[in-house]
Amino acid sequence: MALHIISNPSALSQCNGLIADTDSVLFRDCDSDSIHPEDWQKLLKIGAKLYWLDKSPPPKRYSETQFTVVNFSGFVKLCTEHDNSISWN
């Protein structure tokens, strides 16, 4: 069970094939308009849990039922709940 930390939405094309349904994906410091709809749909299809760090405006084009907004304490908690974390820039 891994936490994938996405700092650059273009990195999704590199890591989409490595994300499992038991993993979580946290978007931090991302421009939500930069997330390609195809990449977002792949994440939903995989079934990984999606999180958005509250420092960045959450994506408006996607339903808020598809992701959870977390603050910094929630980010730290996610890191401790997962076996490892992988940062993608």
PDB file of N, CA and C in Angstrom:
ATOM      1  N   MET A   1       0.847  -1.170   0.000  1.00  0.00           N
ATOM      2  CA  MET A   1       0.000   0.000   0.000  1.00  0.00           C
ATOM      3  C   MET A   1       0.893   1.233   0.000  1.00  0.00           C
ATOM      4  N   ALA A   2       0.860   1.986  -1.102  1.00  0.00           N
ATOM      5  CA  ALA A   2       1.748   3.137  -1.266  1.00  0.00           C
ATOM      6  C   ALA A   2       0.945   4.425  -1.374  1.00  0.00           C
ATOM      7  N   LEU A   3       1.578   5.503  -0.973  1.00  0.00           N
ATOM      8  CA  LEU A   3       1.029   6.838  -1.163  1.00  0.00           C
ATOM      9  C   LEU A   3       1.824   7.502  -2.278  1.00  0.00           C
ATOM     10  N   HIS A   4       1.175   7.803  -3.378  1.00  0.00           N
ATOM     11  CA  HIS A   4       1.802   8.482  -4.505  1.00  0.00           C
ATOM     12  C   HIS A   4       1.525   9.971  -4.346  1.00  0.00           C
ATOM     13  N   ILE A   5       2.579  10.763  -4.236  1.00  0.00           N
ATOM     14  CA  ILE A   5       2.445  12.207  -4.034  1.00  0.00           C
ATOM     15  C   ILE A   5       2.754  12.887  -5.366  1.00  0.00           C
ATOM     16  N   ILE A   6       1.743  13.509  -5.939  1.00  0.00           N
ATOM     17  CA  ILE A   6       1.861  14.126  -7.258  1.00  0.00           C
ATOM     18  C   ILE A   6       2.033  15.632  -7.094  1.00  0.00           C
ATOM     19  N   SER A   7       3.171  16.148  -7.538  1.00  0.00           N
ATOM     20  CA  SER A   7       3.420  17.593  -7.489  1.00  0.00           C
ATOM     21  C   SER A   7       3.280  18.233  -8.864  1.00  0.00           C
ATOM     22  N   ASN A   8       3.255  17.407  -9.888  1.00  0.00           N
ATOM     23  CA  ASN A   8       3.145  17.898 -11.252  1.00  0.00           C
ATOM     24  C   ASN A   8       2.209  16.957 -12.016  1.00  0.00           C
ATOM     25  N   PRO A   9       1.039  17.433 -12.428  1.00  0.00           N
ATOM     26  CA  PRO A   9       0.083  16.552 -13.101  1.00  0.00           C
ATOM     27  C   PRO A   9       0.636  15.818 -14.317  1.00  0.00           C
ATOM     28  N   SER A  10       1.643  16.366 -14.978  1.00  0.00           N
ATOM     29  CA  SER A  10       2.194  15.665 -16.142  1.00  0.00           C
ATOM     30  C   SER A  10       2.880  14.363 -15.724  1.00  0.00           C
ATOM     31  N   ALA A  11       3.216  14.222 -14.442  1.00  0.00           N
ATOM     32  CA  ALA A  11       3.833  12.992 -13.942  1.00  0.00           C
ATOM     33  C   ALA A  11       2.851  11.832 -13.901  1.00  0.00           C
ATOM     34  N   LEU A  12       1.559  12.123 -13.991  1.00  0.00           N
ATOM     35  CA  LEU A  12       0.564  11.047 -13.968  1.00  0.00           C
ATOM     36  C   LEU A  12       0.767  10.044 -15.090  1.00  0.00           C
ATOM     37  N   SER A  13       1.197  10.514 -16.237  1.00  0.00           N
ATOM     38  CA  SER A  13       1.417   9.591 -17.356  1.00  0.00           C
ATOM     39  C   SER A  13       2.542   8.608 -17.048  1.00  0.00           C
ATOM     40  N   GLN A  14       3.493   9.002 -16.199  1.00  0.00           N
ATOM     41  CA  GLN A  14       4.605   8.128 -15.819  1.00  0.00           C
ATOM     42  C   GLN A  14       4.196   7.106 -14.766  1.00  0.00           C
ATOM     43  N   CYS A  15       3.302   7.500 -13.857  1.00  0.00           N
ATOM     44  CA  CYS A  15       3.026   6.619 -12.709  1.00  0.00           C
ATOM     45  C   CYS A  15       1.696   5.891 -12.785  1.00  0.00           C
ATOM     46  N   ASN A  16       0.830   6.230 -13.725  1.00  0.00           N
ATOM     47  CA  ASN A  16      -0.490   5.586 -13.779  1.00  0.00           C
ATOM     48  C   ASN A  16      -0.410   4.065 -13.819  1.00  0.00           C
ATOM     49  N   GLY A  17       0.530   3.514 -14.524  1.00  0.00           N
ATOM     50  CA  GLY A  17       0.660   2.062 -14.614  1.00  0.00           C
ATOM     51  C   GLY A  17       1.217   1.422 -13.356  1.00  0.00           C
ATOM     52  N   LEU A  18       1.697   2.226 -12.413  1.00  0.00           N
ATOM     53  CA  LEU A  18       2.295   1.715 -11.185  1.00  0.00           C
ATOM     54  C   LEU A  18       1.382   1.855  -9.966  1.00  0.00           C
ATOM     55  N   ILE A  19       0.235   2.464 -10.159  1.00  0.00           N
ATOM     56  CA  ILE A  19      -0.695   2.689  -9.051  1.00  0.00           C
ATOM     57  C   ILE A  19      -1.661   1.519  -8.971  1.00  0.00           C
ATOM     58  N   ALA A  20      -1.780   0.960  -7.769  1.00  0.00           N
ATOM     59  CA  ALA A  20      -2.670  -0.185  -7.539  1.00  0.00           C
ATOM     60  C   ALA A  20      -3.948   0.276  -6.841  1.00  0.00           C
ATOM     61  N   ASP A  21      -4.948  -0.582  -6.843  1.00  0.00           N
ATOM     62  CA  ASP A  21      -6.222  -0.221  -6.219  1.00  0.00           C
ATOM     63  C   ASP A  21      -6.107  -0.062  -4.700  1.00  0.00           C
ATOM     64  N   THR A  22      -5.055  -0.588  -4.113  1.00  0.00           N
ATOM     65  CA  THR A  22      -4.846  -0.441  -2.667  1.00  0.00           C
ATOM     66  C   THR A  22      -4.041   0.814  -2.328  1.00  0.00           C
ATOM     67  N   ASP A  23      -3.573   1.517  -3.343  1.00  0.00           N
ATOM     68  CA  ASP A  23      -2.762   2.718  -3.151  1.00  0.00           C
ATOM     69  C   ASP A  23      -3.637   3.953  -2.986  1.00  0.00           C
ATOM     70  N   SER A  24      -2.984   5.031  -2.591  1.00  0.00           N
ATOM     71  CA  SER A  24      -3.625   6.345  -2.514  1.00  0.00           C
ATOM     72  C   SER A  24      -2.794   7.327  -3.326  1.00  0.00           C
ATOM     73  N   VAL A  25      -3.461   8.354  -3.833  1.00  0.00           N
ATOM     74  CA  VAL A  25      -2.791   9.393  -4.614  1.00  0.00           C
ATOM     75  C   VAL A  25      -3.126  10.734  -3.975  1.00  0.00           C
ATOM     76  N   LEU A  26      -2.089  11.487  -3.643  1.00  0.00           N
ATOM     77  CA  LEU A  26      -2.262  12.816  -3.069  1.00  0.00           C
ATOM     78  C   LEU A  26      -1.721  13.850  -4.044  1.00  0.00           C
ATOM     79  N   PHE A  27      -2.546  14.810  -4.404  1.00  0.00           N
ATOM     80  CA  PHE A  27      -2.114  15.912  -5.255  1.00  0.00           C
ATOM     81  C   PHE A  27      -1.717  17.069  -4.349  1.00  0.00           C
ATOM     82  N   ARG A  28      -0.473  17.533  -4.518  1.00  0.00           N
ATOM     83  CA  ARG A  28      -0.015  18.674  -3.709  1.00  0.00           C
ATOM     84  C   ARG A  28       0.610  19.712  -4.620  1.00  0.00           C
ATOM     85  N   ASP A  29       0.254  20.962  -4.356  1.00  0.00           N
ATOM     86  CA  ASP A  29       0.778  22.086  -5.142  1.00  0.00           C
ATOM     87  C   ASP A  29       0.522  21.913  -6.638  1.00  0.00           C
ATOM     88  N   CYS A  30      -0.622  21.351  -6.989  1.00  0.00           N
ATOM     89  CA  CYS A  30      -0.953  21.113  -8.396  1.00  0.00           C
ATOM     90  C   CYS A  30      -1.956  22.138  -8.896  1.00  0.00           C
ATOM     91  N   ASP A  31      -1.820  22.485 -10.148  1.00  0.00           N
ATOM     92  CA  ASP A  31      -2.821  23.280 -10.834  1.00  0.00           C
ATOM     93  C   ASP A  31      -3.871  22.290 -11.330  1.00  0.00           C
ATOM     94  N   SER A  32      -5.044  22.359 -10.744  1.00  0.00           N
ATOM     95  CA  SER A  32      -6.065  21.357 -11.062  1.00  0.00           C
ATOM     96  C   SER A  32      -6.469  21.370 -12.532  1.00  0.00           C
ATOM     97  N   ASP A  33      -6.347  22.513 -13.193  1.00  0.00           N
ATOM     98  CA  ASP A  33      -6.692  22.576 -14.614  1.00  0.00           C
ATOM     99  C   ASP A  33      -5.684  21.831 -15.481  1.00  0.00           C
ATOM    100  N   SER A  34      -4.525  21.485 -14.903  1.00  0.00           N
ATOM    101  CA  SER A  34      -3.487  20.786 -15.657  1.00  0.00           C
ATOM    102  C   SER A  34      -3.684  19.272 -15.676  1.00  0.00           C
ATOM    103  N   ILE A  35      -4.610  18.781 -14.874  1.00  0.00           N
ATOM    104  CA  ILE A  35      -4.840  17.332 -14.830  1.00  0.00           C
ATOM    105  C   ILE A  35      -5.689  16.938 -16.030  1.00  0.00           C
ATOM    106  N   HIS A  36      -5.102  16.135 -16.878  1.00  0.00           N
ATOM    107  CA  HIS A  36      -5.792  15.694 -18.084  1.00  0.00           C
ATOM    108  C   HIS A  36      -6.959  14.780 -17.699  1.00  0.00           C
ATOM    109  N   PRO A  37      -8.150  15.018 -18.245  1.00  0.00           N
ATOM    110  CA  PRO A  37      -9.309  14.186 -17.907  1.00  0.00           C
ATOM    111  C   PRO A  37      -9.072  12.688 -18.106  1.00  0.00           C
ATOM    112  N   GLU A  38      -8.285  12.327 -19.115  1.00  0.00           N
ATOM    113  CA  GLU A  38      -7.983  10.915 -19.368  1.00  0.00           C
ATOM    114  C   GLU A  38      -7.203  10.307 -18.195  1.00  0.00           C
ATOM    115  N   ASP A  39      -6.228  11.066 -17.664  1.00  0.00           N
ATOM    116  CA  ASP A  39      -5.451  10.577 -16.525  1.00  0.00           C
ATOM    117  C   ASP A  39      -6.330  10.452 -15.288  1.00  0.00           C
ATOM    118  N   TRP A  40      -7.226  11.407 -15.078  1.00  0.00           N
ATOM    119  CA  TRP A  40      -8.137  11.363 -13.932  1.00  0.00           C
ATOM    120  C   TRP A  40      -9.035  10.128 -14.026  1.00  0.00           C
ATOM    121  N   GLN A  41      -9.557   9.864 -15.213  1.00  0.00           N
ATOM    122  CA  GLN A  41     -10.426   8.702 -15.410  1.00  0.00           C
ATOM    123  C   GLN A  41      -9.678   7.396 -15.160  1.00  0.00           C
ATOM    124  N   LYS A  42      -8.413   7.336 -15.552  1.00  0.00           N
ATOM    125  CA  LYS A  42      -7.608   6.135 -15.283  1.00  0.00           C
ATOM    126  C   LYS A  42      -7.489   5.897 -13.780  1.00  0.00           C
ATOM    127  N   LEU A  43      -7.258   6.964 -13.030  1.00  0.00           N
ATOM    128  CA  LEU A  43      -7.155   6.830 -11.571  1.00  0.00           C
ATOM    129  C   LEU A  43      -8.467   6.324 -10.978  1.00  0.00           C
ATOM    130  N   LEU A  44      -9.577   6.851 -11.454  1.00  0.00           N
ATOM    131  CA  LEU A  44     -10.879   6.401 -10.955  1.00  0.00           C
ATOM    132  C   LEU A  44     -11.118   4.936 -11.300  1.00  0.00           C
ATOM    133  N   LYS A  45     -10.710   4.545 -12.489  1.00  0.00           N
ATOM    134  CA  LYS A  45     -10.894   3.160 -12.930  1.00  0.00           C
ATOM    135  C   LYS A  45     -10.064   2.191 -12.080  1.00  0.00           C
ATOM    136  N   ILE A  46      -8.848   2.619 -11.726  1.00  0.00           N
ATOM    137  CA  ILE A  46      -7.978   1.787 -10.880  1.00  0.00           C
ATOM    138  C   ILE A  46      -8.617   1.572  -9.514  1.00  0.00           C
ATOM    139  N   GLY A  47      -9.258   2.609  -8.994  1.00  0.00           N
ATOM    140  CA  GLY A  47      -9.906   2.502  -7.693  1.00  0.00           C
ATOM    141  C   GLY A  47      -9.055   2.983  -6.532  1.00  0.00           C
ATOM    142  N   ALA A  48      -7.936   3.626  -6.831  1.00  0.00           N
ATOM    143  CA  ALA A  48      -7.098   4.178  -5.763  1.00  0.00           C
ATOM    144  C   ALA A  48      -7.842   5.329  -5.085  1.00  0.00           C
ATOM    145  N   LYS A  49      -7.551   5.547  -3.811  1.00  0.00           N
ATOM    146  CA  LYS A  49      -8.143   6.673  -3.095  1.00  0.00           C
ATOM    147  C   LYS A  49      -7.414   7.946  -3.508  1.00  0.00           C
ATOM    148  N   LEU A  50      -8.184   9.002  -3.765  1.00  0.00           N
ATOM    149  CA  LEU A  50      -7.617  10.257  -4.242  1.00  0.00           C
ATOM    150  C   LEU A  50      -7.763  11.339  -3.172  1.00  0.00           C
ATOM    151  N   TYR A  51      -6.674  12.083  -2.965  1.00  0.00           N
ATOM    152  CA  TYR A  51      -6.649  13.158  -1.965  1.00  0.00           C
ATOM    153  C   TYR A  51      -6.104  14.426  -2.609  1.00  0.00           C
ATOM    154  N   TRP A  52      -6.522  15.558  -2.047  1.00  0.00           N
ATOM    155  CA  TRP A  52      -6.074  16.867  -2.536  1.00  0.00           C
ATOM    156  C   TRP A  52      -5.635  17.676  -1.331  1.00  0.00           C
ATOM    157  N   LEU A  53      -4.370  18.134  -1.331  1.00  0.00           N
ATOM    158  CA  LEU A  53      -3.869  18.961  -0.239  1.00  0.00           C
ATOM    159  C   LEU A  53      -4.517  20.331  -0.329  1.00  0.00           C
ATOM    160  N   ASP A  54      -5.038  20.820   0.787  1.00  0.00           N
ATOM    161  CA  ASP A  54      -5.862  22.026   0.764  1.00  0.00           C
ATOM    162  C   ASP A  54      -5.118  23.324   0.463  1.00  0.00           C
ATOM    163  N   LYS A  55      -3.791  23.275   0.318  1.00  0.00           N
ATOM    164  CA  LYS A  55      -3.036  24.471  -0.066  1.00  0.00           C
ATOM    165  C   LYS A  55      -3.361  24.912  -1.488  1.00  0.00           C
ATOM    166  N   SER A  56      -3.762  23.973  -2.311  1.00  0.00           N
ATOM    167  CA  SER A  56      -4.075  24.249  -3.715  1.00  0.00           C
ATOM    168  C   SER A  56      -5.586  24.226  -3.896  1.00  0.00           C
ATOM    169  N   PRO A  57      -6.115  25.060  -4.789  1.00  0.00           N
ATOM    170  CA  PRO A  57      -7.558  24.984  -5.040  1.00  0.00           C
ATOM    171  C   PRO A  57      -7.919  23.614  -5.608  1.00  0.00           C
ATOM    172  N   PRO A  58      -8.954  22.971  -5.072  1.00  0.00           N
ATOM    173  CA  PRO A  58      -9.345  21.645  -5.577  1.00  0.00           C
ATOM    174  C   PRO A  58      -9.877  21.727  -7.005  1.00  0.00           C
ATOM    175  N   PRO A  59      -9.806  20.624  -7.713  1.00  0.00           N
ATOM    176  CA  PRO A  59     -10.265  20.621  -9.104  1.00  0.00           C
ATOM    177  C   PRO A  59     -11.767  20.853  -9.198  1.00  0.00           C
ATOM    178  N   LYS A  60     -12.154  21.853  -9.956  1.00  0.00           N
ATOM    179  CA  LYS A  60     -13.575  22.180 -10.100  1.00  0.00           C
ATOM    180  C   LYS A  60     -14.261  21.322 -11.153  1.00  0.00           C
ATOM    181  N   ARG A  61     -13.500  20.821 -12.105  1.00  0.00           N
ATOM    182  CA  ARG A  61     -14.126  20.055 -13.183  1.00  0.00           C
ATOM    183  C   ARG A  61     -14.450  18.618 -12.778  1.00  0.00           C
ATOM    184  N   TYR A  62     -13.984  18.195 -11.597  1.00  0.00           N
ATOM    185  CA  TYR A  62     -14.250  16.839 -11.123  1.00  0.00           C
ATOM    186  C   TYR A  62     -15.123  16.887  -9.881  1.00  0.00           C
ATOM    187  N   SER A  63     -15.936  15.876  -9.706  1.00  0.00           N
ATOM    188  CA  SER A  63     -16.853  15.809  -8.581  1.00  0.00           C
ATOM    189  C   SER A  63     -16.095  15.693  -7.260  1.00  0.00           C
ATOM    190  N   GLU A  64     -16.540  16.453  -6.261  1.00  0.00           N
ATOM    191  CA  GLU A  64     -15.898  16.392  -4.949  1.00  0.00           C
ATOM    192  C   GLU A  64     -16.130  15.052  -4.257  1.00  0.00           C
ATOM    193  N   THR A  65     -16.999  14.224  -4.797  1.00  0.00           N
ATOM    194  CA  THR A  65     -17.180  12.885  -4.239  1.00  0.00           C
ATOM    195  C   THR A  65     -16.068  11.945  -4.692  1.00  0.00           C
ATOM    196  N   GLN A  66     -15.248  12.389  -5.658  1.00  0.00           N
ATOM    197  CA  GLN A  66     -14.182  11.546  -6.200  1.00  0.00           C
ATOM    198  C   GLN A  66     -12.870  11.689  -5.441  1.00  0.00           C
ATOM    199  N   PHE A  67     -12.747  12.690  -4.583  1.00  0.00           N
ATOM    200  CA  PHE A  67     -11.502  12.911  -3.845  1.00  0.00           C
ATOM    201  C   PHE A  67     -11.813  13.510  -2.483  1.00  0.00           C
ATOM    202  N   THR A  68     -10.834  13.435  -1.594  1.00  0.00           N
ATOM    203  CA  THR A  68     -10.952  13.994  -0.257  1.00  0.00           C
ATOM    204  C   THR A  68      -9.928  15.104  -0.098  1.00  0.00           C
ATOM    205  N   VAL A  69     -10.367  16.257   0.383  1.00  0.00           N
ATOM    206  CA  VAL A  69      -9.445  17.362   0.656  1.00  0.00           C
ATOM    207  C   VAL A  69      -8.869  17.162   2.057  1.00  0.00           C
ATOM    208  N   VAL A  70      -7.533  17.243   2.169  1.00  0.00           N
ATOM    209  CA  VAL A  70      -6.869  17.087   3.465  1.00  0.00           C
ATOM    210  C   VAL A  70      -5.992  18.305   3.743  1.00  0.00           C
ATOM    211  N   ASN A  71      -5.809  18.589   5.033  1.00  0.00           N
ATOM    212  CA  ASN A  71      -4.882  19.645   5.425  1.00  0.00           C
ATOM    213  C   ASN A  71      -3.516  19.015   5.666  1.00  0.00           C
ATOM    214  N   PHE A  72      -2.560  19.803   6.156  1.00  0.00           N
ATOM    215  CA  PHE A  72      -1.206  19.274   6.329  1.00  0.00           C
ATOM    216  C   PHE A  72      -1.171  18.130   7.346  1.00  0.00           C
ATOM    217  N   SER A  73      -1.959  18.230   8.406  1.00  0.00           N
ATOM    218  CA  SER A  73      -2.015  17.136   9.389  1.00  0.00           C
ATOM    219  C   SER A  73      -2.538  15.859   8.748  1.00  0.00           C
ATOM    220  N   GLY A  74      -3.529  16.006   7.853  1.00  0.00           N
ATOM    221  CA  GLY A  74      -4.050  14.851   7.129  1.00  0.00           C
ATOM    222  C   GLY A  74      -3.015  14.255   6.196  1.00  0.00           C
ATOM    223  N   PHE A  75      -2.202  15.114   5.602  1.00  0.00           N
ATOM    224  CA  PHE A  75      -1.108  14.661   4.738  1.00  0.00           C
ATOM    225  C   PHE A  75      -0.117  13.825   5.538  1.00  0.00           C
ATOM    226  N   VAL A  76       0.264  14.307   6.713  1.00  0.00           N
ATOM    227  CA  VAL A  76       1.198  13.567   7.574  1.00  0.00           C
ATOM    228  C   VAL A  76       0.579  12.233   7.985  1.00  0.00           C
ATOM    229  N   LYS A  77      -0.696  12.249   8.311  1.00  0.00           N
ATOM    230  CA  LYS A  77      -1.381  11.013   8.703  1.00  0.00           C
ATOM    231  C   LYS A  77      -1.373   9.998   7.556  1.00  0.00           C
ATOM    232  N   LEU A  78      -1.621  10.468   6.340  1.00  0.00           N
ATOM    233  CA  LEU A  78      -1.578   9.572   5.174  1.00  0.00           C
ATOM    234  C   LEU A  78      -0.196   8.935   5.032  1.00  0.00           C
ATOM    235  N   CYS A  79       0.843   9.735   5.247  1.00  0.00           N
ATOM    236  CA  CYS A  79       2.218   9.212   5.145  1.00  0.00           C
ATOM    237  C   CYS A  79       2.462   8.106   6.164  1.00  0.00           C
ATOM    238  N   THR A  80       1.916   8.260   7.356  1.00  0.00           N
ATOM    239  CA  THR A  80       2.145   7.246   8.400  1.00  0.00           C
ATOM    240  C   THR A  80       1.271   6.008   8.195  1.00  0.00           C
ATOM    241  N   GLU A  81       0.159   6.149   7.498  1.00  0.00           N
ATOM    242  CA  GLU A  81      -0.749   5.022   7.277  1.00  0.00           C
ATOM    243  C   GLU A  81      -0.320   4.114   6.125  1.00  0.00           C
ATOM    244  N   HIS A  82       0.566   4.586   5.281  1.00  0.00           N
ATOM    245  CA  HIS A  82       0.991   3.809   4.118  1.00  0.00           C
ATOM    246  C   HIS A  82       2.384   3.197   4.343  1.00  0.00           C
ATOM    247  N   ASP A  83       2.619   2.066   3.709  1.00  0.00           N
ATOM    248  CA  ASP A  83       3.897   1.373   3.836  1.00  0.00           C
ATOM    249  C   ASP A  83       5.057   2.215   3.313  1.00  0.00           C
ATOM    250  N   ASN A  84       4.803   2.939   2.235  1.00  0.00           N
ATOM    251  CA  ASN A  84       5.832   3.829   1.679  1.00  0.00           C
ATOM    252  C   ASN A  84       5.162   4.948   0.905  1.00  0.00           C
ATOM    253  N   SER A  85       5.956   5.961   0.582  1.00  0.00           N
ATOM    254  CA  SER A  85       5.449   7.061  -0.220  1.00  0.00           C
ATOM    255  C   SER A  85       6.414   7.311  -1.378  1.00  0.00           C
ATOM    256  N   ILE A  86       5.827   7.709  -2.493  1.00  0.00           N
ATOM    257  CA  ILE A  86       6.601   7.949  -3.705  1.00  0.00           C
ATOM    258  C   ILE A  86       6.217   9.327  -4.226  1.00  0.00           C
ATOM    259  N   SER A  87       7.214  10.191  -4.404  1.00  0.00           N
ATOM    260  CA  SER A  87       6.954  11.534  -4.924  1.00  0.00           C
ATOM    261  C   SER A  87       7.192  11.554  -6.431  1.00  0.00           C
ATOM    262  N   TRP A  88       6.246  12.166  -7.131  1.00  0.00           N
ATOM    263  CA  TRP A  88       6.321  12.298  -8.586  1.00  0.00           C
ATOM    264  C   TRP A  88       6.282  13.784  -8.931  1.00  0.00           C
ATOM    265  N   ASN A  89       7.321  14.258  -9.655  1.00  0.00           N
ATOM    266  CA  ASN A  89       7.375  15.678 -10.024  1.00  0.00           C
ATOM    267  C   ASN A  89       7.285  15.818 -11.517  1.00  0.00           C
TER     268      ASN A  89
END
